[in-house]
PDB file of N, CA and C in Angstrom:
ATOM      1  N   MET A   1      25.682 -20.643 218.647  1.00  0.00           N
ATOM      2  CA  MET A   1      24.721 -19.720 218.088  1.00  0.00           C
ATOM      3  C   MET A   1      23.326 -20.041 218.618  1.00  0.00           C
ATOM      4  N   ILE A   2      22.598 -19.013 218.918  1.00  0.00           N
ATOM      5  CA  ILE A   2      21.202 -19.152 219.320  1.00  0.00           C
ATOM      6  C   ILE A   2      20.361 -18.584 218.188  1.00  0.00           C
ATOM      7  N   ASN A   3      19.339 -19.333 217.783  1.00  0.00           N
ATOM      8  CA  ASN A   3      18.456 -18.924 216.695  1.00  0.00           C
ATOM      9  C   ASN A   3      17.094 -18.576 217.280  1.00  0.00           C
ATOM     10  N   ARG A   4      16.801 -17.299 217.349  1.00  0.00           N
ATOM     11  CA  ARG A   4      15.530 -16.835 217.910  1.00  0.00           C
ATOM     12  C   ARG A   4      14.713 -16.211 216.789  1.00  0.00           C
ATOM     13  N   GLY A   5      13.733 -16.943 216.317  1.00  0.00           N
ATOM     14  CA  GLY A   5      12.863 -16.437 215.263  1.00  0.00           C
ATOM     15  C   GLY A   5      13.603 -16.118 213.977  1.00  0.00           C
ATOM     16  N   GLY A   6      14.636 -16.864 213.663  1.00  0.00           N
ATOM     17  CA  GLY A   6      15.409 -16.639 212.451  1.00  0.00           C
ATOM     18  C   GLY A   6      16.579 -15.685 212.625  1.00  0.00           C
ATOM     19  N   VAL A   7      16.683 -15.036 213.777  1.00  0.00           N
ATOM     20  CA  VAL A   7      17.810 -14.142 214.058  1.00  0.00           C
ATOM     21  C   VAL A   7      18.828 -14.920 214.881  1.00  0.00           C
ATOM     22  N   LYS A   8      20.008 -15.094 214.330  1.00  0.00           N
ATOM     23  CA  LYS A   8      21.051 -15.855 215.017  1.00  0.00           C
ATOM     24  C   LYS A   8      22.029 -14.903 215.686  1.00  0.00           C
ATOM     25  N   PHE A   9      22.412 -15.246 216.917  1.00  0.00           N
ATOM     26  CA  PHE A   9      23.401 -14.437 217.627  1.00  0.00           C
ATOM     27  C   PHE A   9      24.278 -15.333 218.475  1.00  0.00           C
ATOM     28  N   ASN A  10      25.470 -14.832 218.725  1.00  0.00           N
ATOM     29  CA  ASN A  10      26.436 -15.546 219.545  1.00  0.00           C
ATOM     30  C   ASN A  10      26.188 -15.170 221.006  1.00  0.00           C
ATOM     31  N   PRO A  11      25.854 -16.130 221.858  1.00  0.00           N
ATOM     32  CA  PRO A  11      25.579 -15.800 223.252  1.00  0.00           C
ATOM     33  C   PRO A  11      26.776 -15.162 223.959  1.00  0.00           C
ATOM     34  N   ARG A  12      27.982 -15.455 223.508  1.00  0.00           N
ATOM     35  CA  ARG A  12      29.166 -14.871 224.158  1.00  0.00           C
ATOM     36  C   ARG A  12      29.155 -13.347 224.052  1.00  0.00           C
ATOM     37  N   ASP A  13      28.651 -12.818 222.933  1.00  0.00           N
ATOM     38  CA  ASP A  13      28.579 -11.362 222.776  1.00  0.00           C
ATOM     39  C   ASP A  13      27.703 -10.738 223.861  1.00  0.00           C
ATOM     40  N   VAL A  14      26.585 -11.371 224.159  1.00  0.00           N
ATOM     41  CA  VAL A  14      25.671 -10.857 225.180  1.00  0.00           C
ATOM     42  C   VAL A  14      26.269 -11.059 226.570  1.00  0.00           C
ATOM     43  N   GLU A  15      26.908 -12.209 226.786  1.00  0.00           N
ATOM     44  CA  GLU A  15      27.547 -12.469 228.082  1.00  0.00           C
ATOM     45  C   GLU A  15      28.600 -11.407 228.396  1.00  0.00           C
ATOM     46  N   GLU A  16      29.367 -11.007 227.393  1.00  0.00           N
ATOM     47  CA  GLU A  16      30.399  -9.988 227.611  1.00  0.00           C
ATOM     48  C   GLU A  16      29.781  -8.659 228.039  1.00  0.00           C
ATOM     49  N   LEU A  17      28.634  -8.314 227.485  1.00  0.00           N
ATOM     50  CA  LEU A  17      27.946  -7.088 227.894  1.00  0.00           C
ATOM     51  C   LEU A  17      27.422  -7.199 229.322  1.00  0.00           C
ATOM     52  N   ILE A  18      26.820  -8.340 229.644  1.00  0.00           N
ATOM     53  CA  ILE A  18      26.284  -8.547 230.990  1.00  0.00           C
ATOM     54  C   ILE A  18      27.410  -8.511 232.020  1.00  0.00           C
ATOM     55  N   ASP A  19      28.531  -9.127 231.687  1.00  0.00           N
ATOM     56  CA  ASP A  19      29.661  -9.217 232.622  1.00  0.00           C
ATOM     57  C   ASP A  19      30.300  -7.859 232.927  1.00  0.00           C
ATOM     58  N   ARG A  20      29.991  -6.838 232.160  1.00  0.00           N
ATOM     59  CA  ARG A  20      30.517  -5.492 232.427  1.00  0.00           C
ATOM     60  C   ARG A  20      29.862  -4.841 233.644  1.00  0.00           C
ATOM     61  N   HIS A  21      28.710  -5.364 234.037  1.00  0.00           N
ATOM     62  CA  HIS A  21      28.007  -4.773 235.181  1.00  0.00           C
ATOM     63  C   HIS A  21      28.846  -5.005 236.437  1.00  0.00           C
ATOM     64  N   PRO A  22      29.037  -3.994 237.265  1.00  0.00           N
ATOM     65  CA  PRO A  22      29.926  -4.127 238.426  1.00  0.00           C
ATOM     66  C   PRO A  22      29.471  -5.147 239.469  1.00  0.00           C
ATOM     67  N   LYS A  23      28.205  -5.487 239.505  1.00  0.00           N
ATOM     68  CA  LYS A  23      27.724  -6.446 240.508  1.00  0.00           C
ATOM     69  C   LYS A  23      27.639  -7.873 239.980  1.00  0.00           C
ATOM     70  N   ILE A  24      28.042  -8.099 238.739  1.00  0.00           N
ATOM     71  CA  ILE A  24      27.988  -9.436 238.154  1.00  0.00           C
ATOM     72  C   ILE A  24      29.401  -9.963 237.973  1.00  0.00           C
ATOM     73  N   ALA A  25      29.661 -11.131 238.563  1.00  0.00           N
ATOM     74  CA  ALA A  25      30.975 -11.760 238.451  1.00  0.00           C
ATOM     75  C   ALA A  25      31.090 -12.558 237.162  1.00  0.00           C
ATOM     76  N   GLN A  26      30.007 -13.249 236.790  1.00  0.00           N
ATOM     77  CA  GLN A  26      30.050 -14.119 235.616  1.00  0.00           C
ATOM     78  C   GLN A  26      28.637 -14.390 235.133  1.00  0.00           C
ATOM     79  N   SER A  27      28.498 -14.589 233.820  1.00  0.00           N
ATOM     80  CA  SER A  27      27.201 -14.950 233.261  1.00  0.00           C
ATOM     81  C   SER A  27      27.380 -16.044 232.219  1.00  0.00           C
ATOM     82  N   ALA A  28      26.302 -16.761 231.970  1.00  0.00           N
ATOM     83  CA  ALA A  28      26.281 -17.785 230.928  1.00  0.00           C
ATOM     84  C   ALA A  28      24.886 -17.812 230.321  1.00  0.00           C
ATOM     85  N   ILE A  29      24.831 -17.893 229.009  1.00  0.00           N
ATOM     86  CA  ILE A  29      23.556 -17.947 228.300  1.00  0.00           C
ATOM     87  C   ILE A  29      23.472 -19.274 227.570  1.00  0.00           C
ATOM     88  N   VAL A  30      22.343 -19.945 227.729  1.00  0.00           N
ATOM     89  CA  VAL A  30      22.097 -21.206 227.037  1.00  0.00           C
ATOM     90  C   VAL A  30      20.752 -21.119 226.321  1.00  0.00           C
ATOM     91  N   PRO A  31      20.632 -21.816 225.193  1.00  0.00           N
ATOM     92  CA  PRO A  31      19.350 -21.820 224.501  1.00  0.00           C
ATOM     93  C   PRO A  31      18.379 -22.805 225.142  1.00  0.00           C
ATOM     94  N   VAL A  32      17.107 -22.449 225.138  1.00  0.00           N
ATOM     95  CA  VAL A  32      16.046 -23.366 225.554  1.00  0.00           C
ATOM     96  C   VAL A  32      15.013 -23.391 224.431  1.00  0.00           C
ATOM     97  N   PRO A  33      14.402 -24.540 224.193  1.00  0.00           N
ATOM     98  CA  PRO A  33      13.445 -24.651 223.093  1.00  0.00           C
ATOM     99  C   PRO A  33      12.248 -23.724 223.267  1.00  0.00           C
ATOM    100  N   ASP A  34      11.780 -23.195 222.155  1.00  0.00           N
ATOM    101  CA  ASP A  34      10.574 -22.371 222.120  1.00  0.00           C
ATOM    102  C   ASP A  34       9.736 -22.852 220.937  1.00  0.00           C
ATOM    103  N   PRO A  35       8.465 -23.202 221.174  1.00  0.00           N
ATOM    104  CA  PRO A  35       7.645 -23.768 220.102  1.00  0.00           C
ATOM    105  C   PRO A  35       7.363 -22.788 218.960  1.00  0.00           C
ATOM    106  N   VAL A  36       7.436 -21.500 219.218  1.00  0.00           N
ATOM    107  CA  VAL A  36       7.135 -20.507 218.180  1.00  0.00           C
ATOM    108  C   VAL A  36       8.409 -19.932 217.563  1.00  0.00           C
ATOM    109  N   LEU A  37       9.357 -19.546 218.410  1.00  0.00           N
ATOM    110  CA  LEU A  37      10.554 -18.849 217.934  1.00  0.00           C
ATOM    111  C   LEU A  37      11.748 -19.760 217.674  1.00  0.00           C
ATOM    112  N   GLY A  38      11.644 -21.024 218.011  1.00  0.00           N
ATOM    113  CA  GLY A  38      12.761 -21.952 217.835  1.00  0.00           C
ATOM    114  C   GLY A  38      13.581 -22.089 219.105  1.00  0.00           C
ATOM    115  N   GLU A  39      14.145 -20.975 219.565  1.00  0.00           N
ATOM    116  CA  GLU A  39      14.919 -20.983 220.808  1.00  0.00           C
ATOM    117  C   GLU A  39      14.716 -19.673 221.557  1.00  0.00           C
ATOM    118  N   ARG A  40      14.837 -19.759 222.867  1.00  0.00           N
ATOM    119  CA  ARG A  40      14.874 -18.587 223.745  1.00  0.00           C
ATOM    120  C   ARG A  40      16.191 -18.633 224.498  1.00  0.00           C
ATOM    121  N   SER A  41      16.549 -17.518 225.077  1.00  0.00           N
ATOM    122  CA  SER A  41      17.784 -17.440 225.855  1.00  0.00           C
ATOM    123  C   SER A  41      17.474 -17.562 227.335  1.00  0.00           C
ATOM    124  N   CYS A  42      18.283 -18.357 228.025  1.00  0.00           N
ATOM    125  CA  CYS A  42      18.196 -18.466 229.475  1.00  0.00           C
ATOM    126  C   CYS A  42      19.547 -18.013 230.024  1.00  0.00           C
ATOM    127  N   VAL A  43      19.515 -17.014 230.902  1.00  0.00           N
ATOM    128  CA  VAL A  43      20.749 -16.427 231.421  1.00  0.00           C
ATOM    129  C   VAL A  43      20.943 -16.837 232.877  1.00  0.00           C
ATOM    130  N   PHE A  44      22.124 -17.322 233.181  1.00  0.00           N
ATOM    131  CA  PHE A  44      22.527 -17.641 234.548  1.00  0.00           C
ATOM    132  C   PHE A  44      23.590 -16.628 234.943  1.00  0.00           C
ATOM    133  N   ILE A  45      23.478 -16.078 236.147  1.00  0.00           N
ATOM    134  CA  ILE A  45      24.477 -15.112 236.595  1.00  0.00           C
ATOM    135  C   ILE A  45      24.988 -15.469 237.985  1.00  0.00           C
ATOM    136  N   THR A  46      26.223 -15.074 238.241  1.00  0.00           N
ATOM    137  CA  THR A  46      26.819 -15.149 239.563  1.00  0.00           C
ATOM    138  C   THR A  46      27.114 -13.722 239.984  1.00  0.00           C
ATOM    139  N   LEU A  47      26.560 -13.340 241.126  1.00  0.00           N
ATOM    140  CA  LEU A  47      26.770 -11.984 241.615  1.00  0.00           C
ATOM    141  C   LEU A  47      28.116 -11.862 242.315  1.00  0.00           C
ATOM    142  N   ARG A  48      28.712 -10.727 242.186  1.00  0.00           N
ATOM    143  CA  ARG A  48      29.999 -10.435 242.821  1.00  0.00           C
ATOM    144  C   ARG A  48      29.761 -10.068 244.288  1.00  0.00           C
ATOM    145  N   GLY A  49      30.560 -10.635 245.188  1.00  0.00           N
ATOM    146  CA  GLY A  49      30.502 -10.267 246.596  1.00  0.00           C
ATOM    147  C   GLY A  49      29.336 -10.844 247.372  1.00  0.00           C
ATOM    148  N   VAL A  50      28.706 -11.901 246.867  1.00  0.00           N
ATOM    149  CA  VAL A  50      27.586 -12.531 247.574  1.00  0.00           C
ATOM    150  C   VAL A  50      28.067 -13.873 248.109  1.00  0.00           C
ATOM    151  N   ASP A  51      27.898 -14.089 249.417  1.00  0.00           N
ATOM    152  CA  ASP A  51      28.284 -15.363 250.020  1.00  0.00           C
ATOM    153  C   ASP A  51      27.193 -16.391 249.792  1.00  0.00           C
ATOM    154  N   SER A  52      27.617 -17.642 249.612  1.00  0.00           N
ATOM    155  CA  SER A  52      26.649 -18.730 249.396  1.00  0.00           C
ATOM    156  C   SER A  52      25.960 -19.106 250.679  1.00  0.00           C
TER     157      SER A  52
END
């Protein structure tokens, strides 16, 4: 659970929405500290069809 300003949400729910995009292969959301809101979301994505 990520707690942003008292609103808690499951990052997996957001990841599932992001992963529906045809150019995104995978996403992951992690919380990062925020001095005002408690936590912020940081999203990492892997694009589909992109060579390293």
